[in-house]
Amino acid sequence: NDIQFKCSKSGQLAADGGGDAGSWNDWHA
């Protein structure tokens, strides 16, 4: 439904428009 990333300096990114079903899994680095 959605994906988020983290930047090495500026932190978490959340692009527009993701779906809201389901749940987030853990961060993978």
mmCIF file of all heavy atoms, coordinates in Angstrom:
data_MODEL
# 
_entry.id   MODEL 
# 
loop_
_atom_site.group_PDB 
_atom_site.id 
_atom_site.type_symbol 
_atom_site.label_atom_id 
_atom_site.label_alt_id 
_atom_site.label_comp_id 
_atom_site.label_asym_id 
_atom_site.label_entity_id 
_atom_site.label_seq_id 
_atom_site.pdbx_PDB_ins_code 
_atom_site.Cartn_x 
_atom_site.Cartn_y 
_atom_site.Cartn_z 
_atom_site.occupancy 
_atom_site.B_iso_or_equiv 
_atom_site.pdbx_formal_charge 
_atom_site.auth_seq_id 
_atom_site.auth_comp_id 
_atom_site.auth_asym_id 
_atom_site.auth_atom_id 
_atom_site.pdbx_PDB_model_num 
ATOM 1   N N   . ASN A 1 1  ? 0.801  -1.225 0.000  1.00 0.00 ? 1  ASN A N   1 
ATOM 2   C CA  . ASN A 1 1  ? 0.000  0.000  0.000  1.00 0.00 ? 1  ASN A CA  1 
ATOM 3   C C   . ASN A 1 1  ? 0.835  1.277  0.000  1.00 0.00 ? 1  ASN A C   1 
ATOM 4   O O   . ASN A 1 1  ? 0.405  2.282  -0.554 1.00 0.00 ? 1  ASN A O   1 
ATOM 5   C CB  . ASN A 1 1  ? -0.914 0.023  1.228  1.00 0.00 ? 1  ASN A CB  1 
ATOM 6   C CG  . ASN A 1 1  ? -2.268 -0.591 0.983  1.00 0.00 ? 1  ASN A CG  1 
ATOM 7   O OD1 . ASN A 1 1  ? -3.289 0.092  0.962  1.00 0.00 ? 1  ASN A OD1 1 
ATOM 8   N ND2 . ASN A 1 1  ? -2.299 -1.905 0.777  1.00 0.00 ? 1  ASN A ND2 1 
ATOM 9   N N   . ASP A 1 2  ? 1.997  1.251  0.624  1.00 0.00 ? 2  ASP A N   1 
ATOM 10  C CA  . ASP A 1 2  ? 2.774  2.489  0.781  1.00 0.00 ? 2  ASP A CA  1 
ATOM 11  C C   . ASP A 1 2  ? 4.214  2.105  1.077  1.00 0.00 ? 2  ASP A C   1 
ATOM 12  O O   . ASP A 1 2  ? 4.497  0.980  1.525  1.00 0.00 ? 2  ASP A O   1 
ATOM 13  C CB  . ASP A 1 2  ? 2.189  3.314  1.932  1.00 0.00 ? 2  ASP A CB  1 
ATOM 14  C CG  . ASP A 1 2  ? 2.581  4.780  1.900  1.00 0.00 ? 2  ASP A CG  1 
ATOM 15  O OD1 . ASP A 1 2  ? 3.438  5.155  1.079  1.00 0.00 ? 2  ASP A OD1 1 
ATOM 16  O OD2 . ASP A 1 2  ? 2.041  5.558  2.705  1.00 0.00 ? 2  ASP A OD2 1 
ATOM 17  N N   . ILE A 1 3  ? 5.126  3.017  0.835  1.00 0.00 ? 3  ILE A N   1 
ATOM 18  C CA  . ILE A 1 3  ? 6.532  2.812  1.186  1.00 0.00 ? 3  ILE A CA  1 
ATOM 19  C C   . ILE A 1 3  ? 7.109  4.135  1.672  1.00 0.00 ? 3  ILE A C   1 
ATOM 20  O O   . ILE A 1 3  ? 6.720  5.208  1.190  1.00 0.00 ? 3  ILE A O   1 
ATOM 21  C CB  . ILE A 1 3  ? 7.347  2.256  -0.005 1.00 0.00 ? 3  ILE A CB  1 
ATOM 22  C CG1 . ILE A 1 3  ? 8.754  1.841  0.450  1.00 0.00 ? 3  ILE A CG1 1 
ATOM 23  C CG2 . ILE A 1 3  ? 7.398  3.231  -1.160 1.00 0.00 ? 3  ILE A CG2 1 
ATOM 24  C CD1 . ILE A 1 3  ? 9.522  1.043  -0.592 1.00 0.00 ? 3  ILE A CD1 1 
ATOM 25  N N   . GLN A 1 4  ? 7.985  4.063  2.651  1.00 0.00 ? 4  GLN A N   1 
ATOM 26  C CA  . GLN A 1 4  ? 8.689  5.232  3.166  1.00 0.00 ? 4  GLN A CA  1 
ATOM 27  C C   . GLN A 1 4  ? 10.185 4.935  3.216  1.00 0.00 ? 4  GLN A C   1 
ATOM 28  O O   . GLN A 1 4  ? 10.595 3.781  3.347  1.00 0.00 ? 4  GLN A O   1 
ATOM 29  C CB  . GLN A 1 4  ? 8.183  5.615  4.559  1.00 0.00 ? 4  GLN A CB  1 
ATOM 30  C CG  . GLN A 1 4  ? 6.744  6.084  4.591  1.00 0.00 ? 4  GLN A CG  1 
ATOM 31  C CD  . GLN A 1 4  ? 6.264  6.429  5.986  1.00 0.00 ? 4  GLN A CD  1 
ATOM 32  O OE1 . GLN A 1 4  ? 6.905  6.098  6.985  1.00 0.00 ? 4  GLN A OE1 1 
ATOM 33  N NE2 . GLN A 1 4  ? 5.113  7.094  6.071  1.00 0.00 ? 4  GLN A NE2 1 
ATOM 34  N N   . PHE A 1 5  ? 10.981 5.988  3.129  1.00 0.00 ? 5  PHE A N   1 
ATOM 35  C CA  . PHE A 1 5  ? 12.431 5.872  3.170  1.00 0.00 ? 5  PHE A CA  1 
ATOM 36  C C   . PHE A 1 5  ? 12.983 6.811  4.243  1.00 0.00 ? 5  PHE A C   1 
ATOM 37  O O   . PHE A 1 5  ? 12.306 7.736  4.692  1.00 0.00 ? 5  PHE A O   1 
ATOM 38  C CB  . PHE A 1 5  ? 13.040 6.241  1.819  1.00 0.00 ? 5  PHE A CB  1 
ATOM 39  C CG  . PHE A 1 5  ? 12.783 5.251  0.729  1.00 0.00 ? 5  PHE A CG  1 
ATOM 40  C CD1 . PHE A 1 5  ? 11.601 5.286  -0.002 1.00 0.00 ? 5  PHE A CD1 1 
ATOM 41  C CD2 . PHE A 1 5  ? 13.719 4.276  0.414  1.00 0.00 ? 5  PHE A CD2 1 
ATOM 42  C CE1 . PHE A 1 5  ? 11.360 4.378  -1.023 1.00 0.00 ? 5  PHE A CE1 1 
ATOM 43  C CE2 . PHE A 1 5  ? 13.495 3.361  -0.605 1.00 0.00 ? 5  PHE A CE2 1 
ATOM 44  C CZ  . PHE A 1 5  ? 12.310 3.412  -1.322 1.00 0.00 ? 5  PHE A CZ  1 
ATOM 45  N N   . LYS A 1 6  ? 14.237 6.586  4.612  1.00 0.00 ? 6  LYS A N   1 
ATOM 46  C CA  . LYS A 1 6  ? 14.975 7.529  5.436  1.00 0.00 ? 6  LYS A CA  1 
ATOM 47  C C   . LYS A 1 6  ? 16.221 7.968  4.679  1.00 0.00 ? 6  LYS A C   1 
ATOM 48  O O   . LYS A 1 6  ? 16.885 7.163  4.007  1.00 0.00 ? 6  LYS A O   1 
ATOM 49  C CB  . LYS A 1 6  ? 15.391 6.903  6.771  1.00 0.00 ? 6  LYS A CB  1 
ATOM 50  C CG  . LYS A 1 6  ? 14.250 6.749  7.764  1.00 0.00 ? 6  LYS A CG  1 
ATOM 51  C CD  . LYS A 1 6  ? 14.755 6.188  9.089  1.00 0.00 ? 6  LYS A CD  1 
ATOM 52  C CE  . LYS A 1 6  ? 13.636 6.029  10.106 1.00 0.00 ? 6  LYS A CE  1 
ATOM 53  N NZ  . LYS A 1 6  ? 14.115 5.438  11.384 1.00 0.00 ? 6  LYS A NZ  1 
ATOM 54  N N   . CYS A 1 7  ? 16.542 9.268  4.815  1.00 0.00 ? 7  CYS A N   1 
ATOM 55  C CA  . CYS A 1 7  ? 17.752 9.830  4.239  1.00 0.00 ? 7  CYS A CA  1 
ATOM 56  C C   . CYS A 1 7  ? 18.877 9.789  5.266  1.00 0.00 ? 7  CYS A C   1 
ATOM 57  O O   . CYS A 1 7  ? 18.632 9.813  6.476  1.00 0.00 ? 7  CYS A O   1 
ATOM 58  C CB  . CYS A 1 7  ? 17.505 11.272 3.811  1.00 0.00 ? 7  CYS A CB  1 
ATOM 59  S SG  . CYS A 1 7  ? 16.193 11.470 2.598  1.00 0.00 ? 7  CYS A SG  1 
ATOM 60  N N   . SER A 1 8  ? 20.102 9.770  4.778  1.00 0.00 ? 8  SER A N   1 
ATOM 61  C CA  . SER A 1 8  ? 21.251 9.646  5.678  1.00 0.00 ? 8  SER A CA  1 
ATOM 62  C C   . SER A 1 8  ? 21.412 10.864 6.587  1.00 0.00 ? 8  SER A C   1 
ATOM 63  O O   . SER A 1 8  ? 21.935 10.745 7.690  1.00 0.00 ? 8  SER A O   1 
ATOM 64  C CB  . SER A 1 8  ? 22.529 9.433  4.860  1.00 0.00 ? 8  SER A CB  1 
ATOM 65  O OG  . SER A 1 8  ? 22.692 10.470 3.904  1.00 0.00 ? 8  SER A OG  1 
ATOM 66  N N   . LYS A 1 9  ? 20.938 12.041 6.157  1.00 0.00 ? 9  LYS A N   1 
ATOM 67  C CA  . LYS A 1 9  ? 21.081 13.255 6.963  1.00 0.00 ? 9  LYS A CA  1 
ATOM 68  C C   . LYS A 1 9  ? 19.756 13.902 7.328  1.00 0.00 ? 9  LYS A C   1 
ATOM 69  O O   . LYS A 1 9  ? 19.596 14.387 8.447  1.00 0.00 ? 9  LYS A O   1 
ATOM 70  C CB  . LYS A 1 9  ? 21.972 14.260 6.233  1.00 0.00 ? 9  LYS A CB  1 
ATOM 71  C CG  . LYS A 1 9  ? 23.433 13.829 6.150  1.00 0.00 ? 9  LYS A CG  1 
ATOM 72  C CD  . LYS A 1 9  ? 24.308 14.937 5.619  1.00 0.00 ? 9  LYS A CD  1 
ATOM 73  C CE  . LYS A 1 9  ? 25.782 14.538 5.643  1.00 0.00 ? 9  LYS A CE  1 
ATOM 74  N NZ  . LYS A 1 9  ? 26.647 15.613 5.114  1.00 0.00 ? 9  LYS A NZ  1 
ATOM 75  N N   . SER A 1 10 ? 18.812 13.942 6.396  1.00 0.00 ? 10 SER A N   1 
ATOM 76  C CA  . SER A 1 10 ? 17.585 14.708 6.637  1.00 0.00 ? 10 SER A CA  1 
ATOM 77  C C   . SER A 1 10 ? 16.429 13.882 7.181  1.00 0.00 ? 10 SER A C   1 
ATOM 78  O O   . SER A 1 10 ? 15.345 14.412 7.410  1.00 0.00 ? 10 SER A O   1 
ATOM 79  C CB  . SER A 1 10 ? 17.157 15.437 5.360  1.00 0.00 ? 10 SER A CB  1 
ATOM 80  O OG  . SER A 1 10 ? 17.003 14.542 4.276  1.00 0.00 ? 10 SER A OG  1 
ATOM 81  N N   . GLY A 1 11 ? 16.647 12.584 7.419  1.00 0.00 ? 11 GLY A N   1 
ATOM 82  C CA  . GLY A 1 11 ? 15.636 11.794 8.104  1.00 0.00 ? 11 GLY A CA  1 
ATOM 83  C C   . GLY A 1 11 ? 14.562 11.213 7.211  1.00 0.00 ? 11 GLY A C   1 
ATOM 84  O O   . GLY A 1 11 ? 14.768 10.977 6.023  1.00 0.00 ? 11 GLY A O   1 
ATOM 85  N N   . GLN A 1 12 ? 13.376 10.995 7.776  1.00 0.00 ? 12 GLN A N   1 
ATOM 86  C CA  . GLN A 1 12 ? 12.315 10.220 7.138  1.00 0.00 ? 12 GLN A CA  1 
ATOM 87  C C   . GLN A 1 12 ? 11.651 10.975 5.994  1.00 0.00 ? 12 GLN A C   1 
ATOM 88  O O   . GLN A 1 12 ? 11.377 12.163 6.081  1.00 0.00 ? 12 GLN A O   1 
ATOM 89  C CB  . GLN A 1 12 ? 11.262 9.839  8.178  1.00 0.00 ? 12 GLN A CB  1 
ATOM 90  C CG  . GLN A 1 12 ? 10.185 8.903  7.665  1.00 0.00 ? 12 GLN A CG  1 
ATOM 91  C CD  . GLN A 1 12 ? 9.310  8.381  8.798  1.00 0.00 ? 12 GLN A CD  1 
ATOM 92  O OE1 . GLN A 1 12 ? 9.759  8.268  9.936  1.00 0.00 ? 12 GLN A OE1 1 
ATOM 93  N NE2 . GLN A 1 12 ? 8.070  8.073  8.497  1.00 0.00 ? 12 GLN A NE2 1 
ATOM 94  N N   . LEU A 1 13 ? 11.382 10.221 4.905  1.00 0.00 ? 13 LEU A N   1 
ATOM 95  C CA  . LEU A 1 13 ? 10.632 10.728 3.760  1.00 0.00 ? 13 LEU A CA  1 
ATOM 96  C C   . LEU A 1 13 ? 9.303  9.988  3.659  1.00 0.00 ? 13 LEU A C   1 
ATOM 97  O O   . LEU A 1 13 ? 9.249  8.767  3.834  1.00 0.00 ? 13 LEU A O   1 
ATOM 98  C CB  . LEU A 1 13 ? 11.398 10.502 2.458  1.00 0.00 ? 13 LEU A CB  1 
ATOM 99  C CG  . LEU A 1 13 ? 12.625 11.343 2.154  1.00 0.00 ? 13 LEU A CG  1 
ATOM 100 C CD1 . LEU A 1 13 ? 13.147 10.984 0.759  1.00 0.00 ? 13 LEU A CD1 1 
ATOM 101 C CD2 . LEU A 1 13 ? 12.327 12.819 2.229  1.00 0.00 ? 13 LEU A CD2 1 
ATOM 102 N N   . ALA A 1 14 ? 8.239  10.720 3.333  1.00 0.00 ? 14 ALA A N   1 
ATOM 103 C CA  . ALA A 1 14 ? 6.927  10.122 3.117  1.00 0.00 ? 14 ALA A CA  1 
ATOM 104 C C   . ALA A 1 14 ? 6.323  10.760 1.876  1.00 0.00 ? 14 ALA A C   1 
ATOM 105 O O   . ALA A 1 14 ? 5.793  11.872 1.935  1.00 0.00 ? 14 ALA A O   1 
ATOM 106 C CB  . ALA A 1 14 ? 6.019  10.322 4.324  1.00 0.00 ? 14 ALA A CB  1 
ATOM 107 N N   . ALA A 1 15 ? 6.428  10.091 0.738  1.00 0.00 ? 15 ALA A N   1 
ATOM 108 C CA  . ALA A 1 15 ? 5.886  10.629 -0.509 1.00 0.00 ? 15 ALA A CA  1 
ATOM 109 C C   . ALA A 1 15 ? 4.364  10.627 -0.473 1.00 0.00 ? 15 ALA A C   1 
ATOM 110 O O   . ALA A 1 15 ? 3.731  9.890  0.288  1.00 0.00 ? 15 ALA A O   1 
ATOM 111 C CB  . ALA A 1 15 ? 6.400  9.825  -1.699 1.00 0.00 ? 15 ALA A CB  1 
ATOM 112 N N   . ASP A 1 16 ? 3.775  11.443 -1.307 1.00 0.00 ? 16 ASP A N   1 
ATOM 113 C CA  . ASP A 1 16 ? 2.329  11.642 -1.332 1.00 0.00 ? 16 ASP A CA  1 
ATOM 114 C C   . ASP A 1 16 ? 1.586  10.441 -1.913 1.00 0.00 ? 16 ASP A C   1 
ATOM 115 O O   . ASP A 1 16 ? 2.067  9.789  -2.835 1.00 0.00 ? 16 ASP A O   1 
ATOM 116 C CB  . ASP A 1 16 ? 2.021  12.883 -2.178 1.00 0.00 ? 16 ASP A CB  1 
ATOM 117 C CG  . ASP A 1 16 ? 0.541  13.139 -2.340 1.00 0.00 ? 16 ASP A CG  1 
ATOM 118 O OD1 . ASP A 1 16 ? -0.120 13.348 -1.306 1.00 0.00 ? 16 ASP A OD1 1 
ATOM 119 O OD2 . ASP A 1 16 ? 0.049  13.106 -3.487 1.00 0.00 ? 16 ASP A OD2 1 
ATOM 120 N N   . GLY A 1 17 ? 0.408  10.148 -1.355 1.00 0.00 ? 17 GLY A N   1 
ATOM 121 C CA  . GLY A 1 17 ? -0.562 9.305  -2.041 1.00 0.00 ? 17 GLY A CA  1 
ATOM 122 C C   . GLY A 1 17 ? -0.641 7.845  -1.666 1.00 0.00 ? 17 GLY A C   1 
ATOM 123 O O   . GLY A 1 17 ? -1.391 7.093  -2.283 1.00 0.00 ? 17 GLY A O   1 
ATOM 124 N N   . GLY A 1 18 ? 0.101  7.373  -0.684 1.00 0.00 ? 18 GLY A N   1 
ATOM 125 C CA  . GLY A 1 18 ? 0.078  5.963  -0.338 1.00 0.00 ? 18 GLY A CA  1 
ATOM 126 C C   . GLY A 1 18 ? -1.264 5.482  0.191  1.00 0.00 ? 18 GLY A C   1 
ATOM 127 O O   . GLY A 1 18 ? -2.059 6.266  0.719  1.00 0.00 ? 18 GLY A O   1 
ATOM 128 N N   . GLY A 1 19 ? -1.524 4.179  0.050  1.00 0.00 ? 19 GLY A N   1 
ATOM 129 C CA  . GLY A 1 19 ? -2.740 3.591  0.581  1.00 0.00 ? 19 GLY A CA  1 
ATOM 130 C C   . GLY A 1 19 ? -2.680 3.442  2.088  1.00 0.00 ? 19 GLY A C   1 
ATOM 131 O O   . GLY A 1 19 ? -1.604 3.506  2.693  1.00 0.00 ? 19 GLY A O   1 
ATOM 132 N N   . ASP A 1 20 ? -3.852 3.220  2.712  1.00 0.00 ? 20 ASP A N   1 
ATOM 133 C CA  . ASP A 1 20 ? -3.894 3.154  4.179  1.00 0.00 ? 20 ASP A CA  1 
ATOM 134 C C   . ASP A 1 20 ? -4.285 1.789  4.727  1.00 0.00 ? 20 ASP A C   1 
ATOM 135 O O   . ASP A 1 20 ? -4.519 1.639  5.917  1.00 0.00 ? 20 ASP A O   1 
ATOM 136 C CB  . ASP A 1 20 ? -4.847 4.216  4.728  1.00 0.00 ? 20 ASP A CB  1 
ATOM 137 C CG  . ASP A 1 20 ? -6.271 4.074  4.184  1.00 0.00 ? 20 ASP A CG  1 
ATOM 138 O OD1 . ASP A 1 20 ? -6.557 3.095  3.470  1.00 0.00 ? 20 ASP A OD1 1 
ATOM 139 O OD2 . ASP A 1 20 ? -7.098 4.959  4.486  1.00 0.00 ? 20 ASP A OD2 1 
ATOM 140 N N   . ALA A 1 21 ? -4.350 0.768  3.871  1.00 0.00 ? 21 ALA A N   1 
ATOM 141 C CA  . ALA A 1 21 ? -4.669 -0.576 4.351  1.00 0.00 ? 21 ALA A CA  1 
ATOM 142 C C   . ALA A 1 21 ? -3.408 -1.271 4.864  1.00 0.00 ? 21 ALA A C   1 
ATOM 143 O O   . ALA A 1 21 ? -2.292 -0.957 4.464  1.00 0.00 ? 21 ALA A O   1 
ATOM 144 C CB  . ALA A 1 21 ? -5.306 -1.402 3.237  1.00 0.00 ? 21 ALA A CB  1 
ATOM 145 N N   . GLY A 1 22 ? -3.609 -2.231 5.755  1.00 0.00 ? 22 GLY A N   1 
ATOM 146 C CA  . GLY A 1 22 ? -2.484 -3.004 6.259  1.00 0.00 ? 22 GLY A CA  1 
ATOM 147 C C   . GLY A 1 22 ? -1.690 -2.285 7.326  1.00 0.00 ? 22 GLY A C   1 
ATOM 148 O O   . GLY A 1 22 ? -2.150 -1.310 7.928  1.00 0.00 ? 22 GLY A O   1 
ATOM 149 N N   . SER A 1 23 ? -0.474 -2.743 7.547  1.00 0.00 ? 23 SER A N   1 
ATOM 150 C CA  . SER A 1 23 ? 0.371  -2.180 8.609  1.00 0.00 ? 23 SER A CA  1 
ATOM 151 C C   . SER A 1 23 ? 1.805  -2.052 8.122  1.00 0.00 ? 23 SER A C   1 
ATOM 152 O O   . SER A 1 23 ? 2.239  -2.735 7.190  1.00 0.00 ? 23 SER A O   1 
ATOM 153 C CB  . SER A 1 23 ? 0.315  -3.062 9.856  1.00 0.00 ? 23 SER A CB  1 
ATOM 154 O OG  . SER A 1 23 ? 0.729  -4.387 9.548  1.00 0.00 ? 23 SER A OG  1 
ATOM 155 N N   . TRP A 1 24 ? 2.542  -1.147 8.784  1.00 0.00 ? 24 TRP A N   1 
ATOM 156 C CA  . TRP A 1 24 ? 3.953  -0.938 8.449  1.00 0.00 ? 24 TRP A CA  1 
ATOM 157 C C   . TRP A 1 24 ? 4.808  -2.047 9.042  1.00 0.00 ? 24 TRP A C   1 
ATOM 158 O O   . TRP A 1 24 ? 4.623  -2.431 10.190 1.00 0.00 ? 24 TRP A O   1 
ATOM 159 C CB  . TRP A 1 24 ? 4.433  0.399  9.005  1.00 0.00 ? 24 TRP A CB  1 
ATOM 160 C CG  . TRP A 1 24 ? 3.832  1.598  8.323  1.00 0.00 ? 24 TRP A CG  1 
ATOM 161 C CD1 . TRP A 1 24 ? 2.834  2.396  8.795  1.00 0.00 ? 24 TRP A CD1 1 
ATOM 162 C CD2 . TRP A 1 24 ? 4.210  2.129  7.051  1.00 0.00 ? 24 TRP A CD2 1 
ATOM 163 N NE1 . TRP A 1 24 ? 2.567  3.394  7.888  1.00 0.00 ? 24 TRP A NE1 1 
ATOM 164 C CE2 . TRP A 1 24 ? 3.398  3.255  6.814  1.00 0.00 ? 24 TRP A CE2 1 
ATOM 165 C CE3 . TRP A 1 24 ? 5.159  1.758  6.092  1.00 0.00 ? 24 TRP A CE3 1 
ATOM 166 C CZ2 . TRP A 1 24 ? 3.502  4.019  5.656  1.00 0.00 ? 24 TRP A CZ2 1 
ATOM 167 C CZ3 . TRP A 1 24 ? 5.264  2.519  4.937  1.00 0.00 ? 24 TRP A CZ3 1 
ATOM 168 C CH2 . TRP A 1 24 ? 4.448  3.628  4.721  1.00 0.00 ? 24 TRP A CH2 1 
ATOM 169 N N   . ASN A 1 25 ? 5.765  -2.543 8.242  1.00 0.00 ? 25 ASN A N   1 
ATOM 170 C CA  . ASN A 1 25 ? 6.759  -3.455 8.815  1.00 0.00 ? 25 ASN A CA  1 
ATOM 171 C C   . ASN A 1 25 ? 7.937  -2.648 9.350  1.00 0.00 ? 25 ASN A C   1 
ATOM 172 O O   . ASN A 1 25 ? 7.957  -1.417 9.283  1.00 0.00 ? 25 ASN A O   1 
ATOM 173 C CB  . ASN A 1 25 ? 7.184  -4.532 7.800  1.00 0.00 ? 25 ASN A CB  1 
ATOM 174 C CG  . ASN A 1 25 ? 7.650  -3.968 6.472  1.00 0.00 ? 25 ASN A CG  1 
ATOM 175 O OD1 . ASN A 1 25 ? 8.383  -2.988 6.439  1.00 0.00 ? 25 ASN A OD1 1 
ATOM 176 N ND2 . ASN A 1 25 ? 7.227  -4.585 5.375  1.00 0.00 ? 25 ASN A ND2 1 
ATOM 177 N N   . ASP A 1 26 ? 8.922  -3.339 9.908  1.00 0.00 ? 26 ASP A N   1 
ATOM 178 C CA  . ASP A 1 26 ? 10.074 -2.662 10.508 1.00 0.00 ? 26 ASP A CA  1 
ATOM 179 C C   . ASP A 1 26 ? 10.939 -1.979 9.451  1.00 0.00 ? 26 ASP A C   1 
ATOM 180 O O   . ASP A 1 26 ? 10.936 -2.358 8.268  1.00 0.00 ? 26 ASP A O   1 
ATOM 181 C CB  . ASP A 1 26 ? 10.929 -3.668 11.284 1.00 0.00 ? 26 ASP A CB  1 
ATOM 182 C CG  . ASP A 1 26 ? 10.214 -4.225 12.503 1.00 0.00 ? 26 ASP A CG  1 
ATOM 183 O OD1 . ASP A 1 26 ? 9.298  -3.537 13.016 1.00 0.00 ? 26 ASP A OD1 1 
ATOM 184 O OD2 . ASP A 1 26 ? 10.563 -5.340 12.932 1.00 0.00 ? 26 ASP A OD2 1 
ATOM 185 N N   . TRP A 1 27 ? 11.722 -1.003 9.893  1.00 0.00 ? 27 TRP A N   1 
ATOM 186 C CA  . TRP A 1 27 ? 12.694 -0.366 9.008  1.00 0.00 ? 27 TRP A CA  1 
ATOM 187 C C   . TRP A 1 27 ? 13.808 -1.353 8.660  1.00 0.00 ? 27 TRP A C   1 
ATOM 188 O O   . TRP A 1 27 ? 14.285 -2.097 9.525  1.00 0.00 ? 27 TRP A O   1 
ATOM 189 C CB  . TRP A 1 27 ? 13.292 0.861  9.673  1.00 0.00 ? 27 TRP A CB  1 
ATOM 190 C CG  . TRP A 1 27 ? 12.343 2.021  9.742  1.00 0.00 ? 27 TRP A CG  1 
ATOM 191 C CD1 . TRP A 1 27 ? 11.586 2.403  10.812 1.00 0.00 ? 27 TRP A CD1 1 
ATOM 192 C CD2 . TRP A 1 27 ? 12.049 2.948  8.700  1.00 0.00 ? 27 TRP A CD2 1 
ATOM 193 N NE1 . TRP A 1 27 ? 10.834 3.510  10.500 1.00 0.00 ? 27 TRP A NE1 1 
ATOM 194 C CE2 . TRP A 1 27 ? 11.102 3.871  9.206  1.00 0.00 ? 27 TRP A CE2 1 
ATOM 195 C CE3 . TRP A 1 27 ? 12.498 3.096  7.375  1.00 0.00 ? 27 TRP A CE3 1 
ATOM 196 C CZ2 . TRP A 1 27 ? 10.589 4.917  8.450  1.00 0.00 ? 27 TRP A CZ2 1 
ATOM 197 C CZ3 . TRP A 1 27 ? 11.985 4.147  6.623  1.00 0.00 ? 27 TRP A CZ3 1 
ATOM 198 C CH2 . TRP A 1 27 ? 11.052 5.040  7.144  1.00 0.00 ? 27 TRP A CH2 1 
ATOM 199 N N   . HIS A 1 28 ? 14.223 -1.342 7.406  1.00 0.00 ? 28 HIS A N   1 
ATOM 200 C CA  . HIS A 1 28 ? 15.350 -2.148 6.931  1.00 0.00 ? 28 HIS A CA  1 
ATOM 201 C C   . HIS A 1 28 ? 16.410 -1.185 6.407  1.00 0.00 ? 28 HIS A C   1 
ATOM 202 O O   . HIS A 1 28 ? 16.131 -0.374 5.508  1.00 0.00 ? 28 HIS A O   1 
ATOM 203 C CB  . HIS A 1 28 ? 14.896 -3.102 5.826  1.00 0.00 ? 28 HIS A CB  1 
ATOM 204 C CG  . HIS A 1 28 ? 14.060 -4.236 6.332  1.00 0.00 ? 28 HIS A CG  1 
ATOM 205 N ND1 . HIS A 1 28 ? 12.836 -4.045 6.946  1.00 0.00 ? 28 HIS A ND1 1 
ATOM 206 C CD2 . HIS A 1 28 ? 14.290 -5.576 6.339  1.00 0.00 ? 28 HIS A CD2 1 
ATOM 207 C CE1 . HIS A 1 28 ? 12.329 -5.219 7.287  1.00 0.00 ? 28 HIS A CE1 1 
ATOM 208 N NE2 . HIS A 1 28 ? 13.187 -6.154 6.953  1.00 0.00 ? 28 HIS A NE2 1 
ATOM 209 N N   . ALA A 1 29 ? 17.628 -1.262 6.973  1.00 0.00 ? 29 ALA A N   1 
ATOM 210 C CA  . ALA A 1 29 ? 18.659 -0.260 6.702  1.00 0.00 ? 29 ALA A CA  1 
ATOM 211 C C   . ALA A 1 29 ? 19.856 -0.861 5.960  1.00 0.00 ? 29 ALA A C   1 
ATOM 212 O O   . ALA A 1 29 ? 20.243 -2.014 6.195  1.00 0.00 ? 29 ALA A O   1 
ATOM 213 C CB  . ALA A 1 29 ? 19.136 0.375  8.006  1.00 0.00 ? 29 ALA A CB  1 
# 
